[in-house]
Amino acid sequence: MKANYKYTVYYITMEKTKVTEKYQVTIPKKIREKIGLKPGEIVIVEAKSRDEIRLKRFGRVKDPLKILIGKRRFVKHIPIEELEERMEE
C-alpha cells in the first residue's frame, strides 16, 4: 500500500535588514515572495530572547463566514424582535 502525503517544505532563508529610526523593519523581497506575504496582513512579533525576534504570520481563514455563521442552516427562523427581547432578558 502506497501512502500519499501532501506537504510543503520551507527552507530557512536568512536576509539582513536594518531597523529604522522609527524602529521599523522591512521584510526583504526574497522572504516576502517565498512565503507569499501580502500588504495588510497581520504578523505577530515575539521576543524569544535578548538576541532573537520571531515574526509569525497571523492565522488566515479562507471563509470567515462559515466560522461565524456555521455550515448548517437554521431550521427555525427567529424574528429580530424576538431576538432583541431575549437579549434584554
C-alpha atoms as a PDB file:
ATOM      1  CA  MET A   1       0.000   0.000   0.000  1.00  0.00           C
ATOM      2  CA  LYS A   2       1.413   3.363  -1.034  1.00  0.00           C
ATOM      3  CA  ALA A   3       0.889   6.354   1.271  1.00  0.00           C
ATOM      4  CA  ASN A   4       0.017   9.604  -0.430  1.00  0.00           C
ATOM      5  CA  TYR A   5       1.365  12.520   1.622  1.00  0.00           C
ATOM      6  CA  LYS A   6       0.972  16.143   0.679  1.00  0.00           C
ATOM      7  CA  TYR A   7       3.206  18.625   2.469  1.00  0.00           C
ATOM      8  CA  THR A   8       5.141  21.819   1.892  1.00  0.00           C
ATOM      9  CA  VAL A   9       8.778  22.218   2.846  1.00  0.00           C
ATOM     10  CA  TYR A  10      10.045  25.673   3.703  1.00  0.00           C
ATOM     11  CA  TYR A  11      13.779  26.122   3.743  1.00  0.00           C
ATOM     12  CA  ILE A  12      15.113  28.625   6.213  1.00  0.00           C
ATOM     13  CA  THR A  13      16.261  31.726   4.398  1.00  0.00           C
ATOM     14  CA  MET A  14      18.125  34.475   6.173  1.00  0.00           C
ATOM     15  CA  GLU A  15      18.398  38.030   4.926  1.00  0.00           C
ATOM     16  CA  LYS A  16      19.773  41.191   6.518  1.00  0.00           C
ATOM     17  CA  THR A  17      17.720  44.329   7.064  1.00  0.00           C
ATOM     18  CA  LYS A  18      18.104  47.496   9.146  1.00  0.00           C
ATOM     19  CA  VAL A  19      15.948  48.914  11.897  1.00  0.00           C
ATOM     20  CA  THR A  20      14.946  52.496  11.031  1.00  0.00           C
ATOM     21  CA  GLU A  21      14.933  55.455  13.427  1.00  0.00           C
ATOM     22  CA  LYS A  22      11.208  54.772  13.944  1.00  0.00           C
ATOM     23  CA  TYR A  23      12.005  51.116  14.813  1.00  0.00           C
ATOM     24  CA  GLN A  24      10.520  49.823  11.582  1.00  0.00           C
ATOM     25  CA  VAL A  25      11.884  46.771   9.765  1.00  0.00           C
ATOM     26  CA  THR A  26      11.361  45.912   6.102  1.00  0.00           C
ATOM     27  CA  ILE A  27      10.855  42.244   5.309  1.00  0.00           C
ATOM     28  CA  PRO A  28      13.178  41.560   2.359  1.00  0.00           C
ATOM     29  CA  LYS A  29      11.556  40.875  -1.013  1.00  0.00           C
ATOM     30  CA  LYS A  30      13.079  37.409  -1.281  1.00  0.00           C
ATOM     31  CA  ILE A  31      11.421  36.387   2.002  1.00  0.00           C
ATOM     32  CA  ARG A  32       8.053  38.034   1.164  1.00  0.00           C
ATOM     33  CA  GLU A  33       7.900  36.249  -2.177  1.00  0.00           C
ATOM     34  CA  LYS A  34       8.927  32.910  -0.704  1.00  0.00           C
ATOM     35  CA  ILE A  35       6.085  32.860   1.837  1.00  0.00           C
ATOM     36  CA  GLY A  36       3.561  34.833  -0.242  1.00  0.00           C
ATOM     37  CA  LEU A  37       3.200  37.681   2.247  1.00  0.00           C
ATOM     38  CA  LYS A  38       0.793  40.381   1.092  1.00  0.00           C
ATOM     39  CA  PRO A  39       0.402  44.027   2.179  1.00  0.00           C
ATOM     40  CA  GLY A  40      -2.082  44.452   5.006  1.00  0.00           C
ATOM     41  CA  GLU A  41      -1.514  41.007   6.513  1.00  0.00           C
ATOM     42  CA  ILE A  42      -1.112  40.872  10.273  1.00  0.00           C
ATOM     43  CA  VAL A  43       2.033  39.432  11.797  1.00  0.00           C
ATOM     44  CA  ILE A  44       2.912  38.589  15.388  1.00  0.00           C
ATOM     45  CA  VAL A  45       6.233  39.829  16.778  1.00  0.00           C
ATOM     46  CA  GLU A  46       7.658  37.725  19.594  1.00  0.00           C
ATOM     47  CA  ALA A  47      10.864  38.187  21.605  1.00  0.00           C
ATOM     48  CA  LYS A  48      12.388  34.732  22.040  1.00  0.00           C
ATOM     49  CA  SER A  49      15.475  36.024  23.844  1.00  0.00           C
ATOM     50  CA  ARG A  50      17.581  39.161  24.027  1.00  0.00           C
ATOM     51  CA  ASP A  51      19.100  38.311  20.633  1.00  0.00           C
ATOM     52  CA  GLU A  52      16.226  36.580  18.864  1.00  0.00           C
ATOM     53  CA  ILE A  53      12.960  38.001  17.495  1.00  0.00           C
ATOM     54  CA  ARG A  54      10.363  35.796  15.804  1.00  0.00           C
ATOM     55  CA  LEU A  55       7.897  37.101  13.263  1.00  0.00           C
ATOM     56  CA  LYS A  56       4.859  34.887  12.663  1.00  0.00           C
ATOM     57  CA  ARG A  57       2.026  35.279  10.219  1.00  0.00           C
ATOM     58  CA  PHE A  58      -1.304  35.633  11.979  1.00  0.00           C
ATOM     59  CA  GLY A  59      -3.644  32.779  11.046  1.00  0.00           C
ATOM     60  CA  ARG A  60      -5.730  33.323   7.971  1.00  0.00           C
ATOM     61  CA  VAL A  61      -9.220  31.996   7.351  1.00  0.00           C
ATOM     62  CA  LYS A  62     -10.403  31.263   3.815  1.00  0.00           C
ATOM     63  CA  ASP A  63     -14.115  31.701   4.516  1.00  0.00           C
ATOM     64  CA  PRO A  64     -14.698  33.586   7.796  1.00  0.00           C
ATOM     65  CA  LEU A  65     -18.497  33.500   7.376  1.00  0.00           C
ATOM     66  CA  LYS A  66     -18.506  29.709   7.726  1.00  0.00           C
ATOM     67  CA  ILE A  67     -16.826  30.105  11.101  1.00  0.00           C
ATOM     68  CA  LEU A  68     -19.042  32.981  12.255  1.00  0.00           C
ATOM     69  CA  ILE A  69     -22.354  31.629  10.977  1.00  0.00           C
ATOM     70  CA  GLY A  70     -21.635  27.907  10.779  1.00  0.00           C
ATOM     71  CA  LYS A  71     -22.020  25.397   7.985  1.00  0.00           C
ATOM     72  CA  ARG A  72     -25.531  24.169   8.830  1.00  0.00           C
ATOM     73  CA  ARG A  73     -28.638  26.136   8.025  1.00  0.00           C
ATOM     74  CA  PHE A  74     -31.038  27.069  10.785  1.00  0.00           C
ATOM     75  CA  VAL A  75     -34.298  25.190  10.580  1.00  0.00           C
ATOM     76  CA  LYS A  76     -36.301  27.673  12.634  1.00  0.00           C
ATOM     77  CA  HIS A  77     -36.449  31.331  11.677  1.00  0.00           C
ATOM     78  CA  ILE A  78     -36.408  33.682  14.671  1.00  0.00           C
ATOM     79  CA  PRO A  79     -37.736  37.209  14.086  1.00  0.00           C
ATOM     80  CA  ILE A  80     -35.365  40.036  15.048  1.00  0.00           C
ATOM     81  CA  GLU A  81     -37.873  41.346  17.583  1.00  0.00           C
ATOM     82  CA  GLU A  82     -37.810  38.033  19.445  1.00  0.00           C
ATOM     83  CA  LEU A  83     -34.002  38.037  19.459  1.00  0.00           C
ATOM     84  CA  GLU A  84     -33.968  41.563  20.879  1.00  0.00           C
ATOM     85  CA  GLU A  85     -36.423  40.548  23.621  1.00  0.00           C
ATOM     86  CA  ARG A  86     -34.277  37.542  24.547  1.00  0.00           C
ATOM     87  CA  MET A  87     -31.162  39.696  24.711  1.00  0.00           C
ATOM     88  CA  GLU A  88     -32.869  42.147  27.074  1.00  0.00           C
ATOM     89  CA  GLU A  89     -33.822  39.311  29.446  1.00  0.00           C
END
